[in-house]
Amino acid sequence: MIITKTPFRVSFCGGGSDLPEFYLKYGGCVLSTSINKYMYISIHPYFNSHETVLKYSKTEIVDDIGKIEHTIFNCVLNEMKVDGVEITSTADIPAGAGLGSSSAFTVGLLHTLSCYKGKYHSKANLAEKACDIEINKLGNPIGKQDQYAAALGGLNYISFNRDGSVSYEPVMAGAETIKNLQRNLMMFYLGSTRSANDILSEQKKNMGNDSKARSLLKMCGLAHEMKRSLESNDLSTFGAILHESWLLKQSLASGITSNEINEIYEKALKAGATGGKLLGAGGGGFLMFYCEPEKQERLRIALGLKPLSFSFDREGTTVIYIGDKYWD
């Protein structure tokens, strides 16, 4: 048996600029971190080698991998020509919560199958392959940030270049700054999950609108400003940058926010948060706020929601167990 774990991510600023409709014209960037909430994928040979068993939110047993209903499983297993196995995926956070679960699953599955076949791929190569699967082969209307965040791990500034390439660099902030940043962030689950595809499809179409493009260009500038402040070990403007970026993001497509989300956000600001954002494409999932520790209990009481305990992940996708290799 082989087991991998692949982290979910929190995107701070620049989300949406990783869509090809934008970065191929302007170039894009995001500042994000992986967190210690994971997608776990295990694989081992199935007792009946003529069948393949997949366990996720449902169980599939097929005698032909071409019959697999789960689109990512189908695409990856057929491309890598793997069958006669049992694969199980479990996650710390439900899908559709805005933490990049789909891409964490794709990266983790590619990593697991590569190990199973005895082949090595760098983390950047796994991210690139995951992008190709999700965007090119399956035609999902998503960008590239989630795949790289899940594969690489850590707090990174990721650039999406006009030639289609992706470059990345770790944010060189001091240990105390990172510690304080983690301490000052709070995440609250809104109790709903959603597919981001409709919102992202609209956002992709809107990239031909000059005002929408200008908003994203401003968000990219804010991502760079946020990186610079962290590397200067200055958190004084972090919440304000989050707030400004969230206001800009709402203009990119309908459905990103709602009256209910806006009411919660306003309550948070009145309770002491200096800024925040809805994670993911929008519509539901987790709300994240930047709030000094002495005001966090007041914020929690005002929202009436339980915060998610989390910390930053540094490793990215990793193998956590390798059993006896008895499938020669």
Foldseek 3Di string as FASTA:
>chain_A
DWKKKWFFKFWQFLFPCQFLLRQLVPKTKTWMATWPWIKMKDKDAAPPQQWEWEAEVHIDIDSDLCPDPPLLSSVVCVVLVDGRMYMYIDTRDDAQQQRLVVLRVQLRVVVNVCVLVPHDDALVRSLVVSCCSQCPVVNQLHGRPRNSNRSQGATKMKIQHSVRDIDIDHLQADPVLQVQQLLQKWKFFPPDGDDLRVLSVQLSVCSVPPLLSVLSVVRRVLNVVLSVCRNVSHCPCSAVSSASRQVSLPPRGPQQEDPVRVVLQVLLVVQAFSHWHRHHSHNGHMIMTGGHNVSVVSSCVSNVTDTDDMHTTRGRMDIDDDDDSPPD
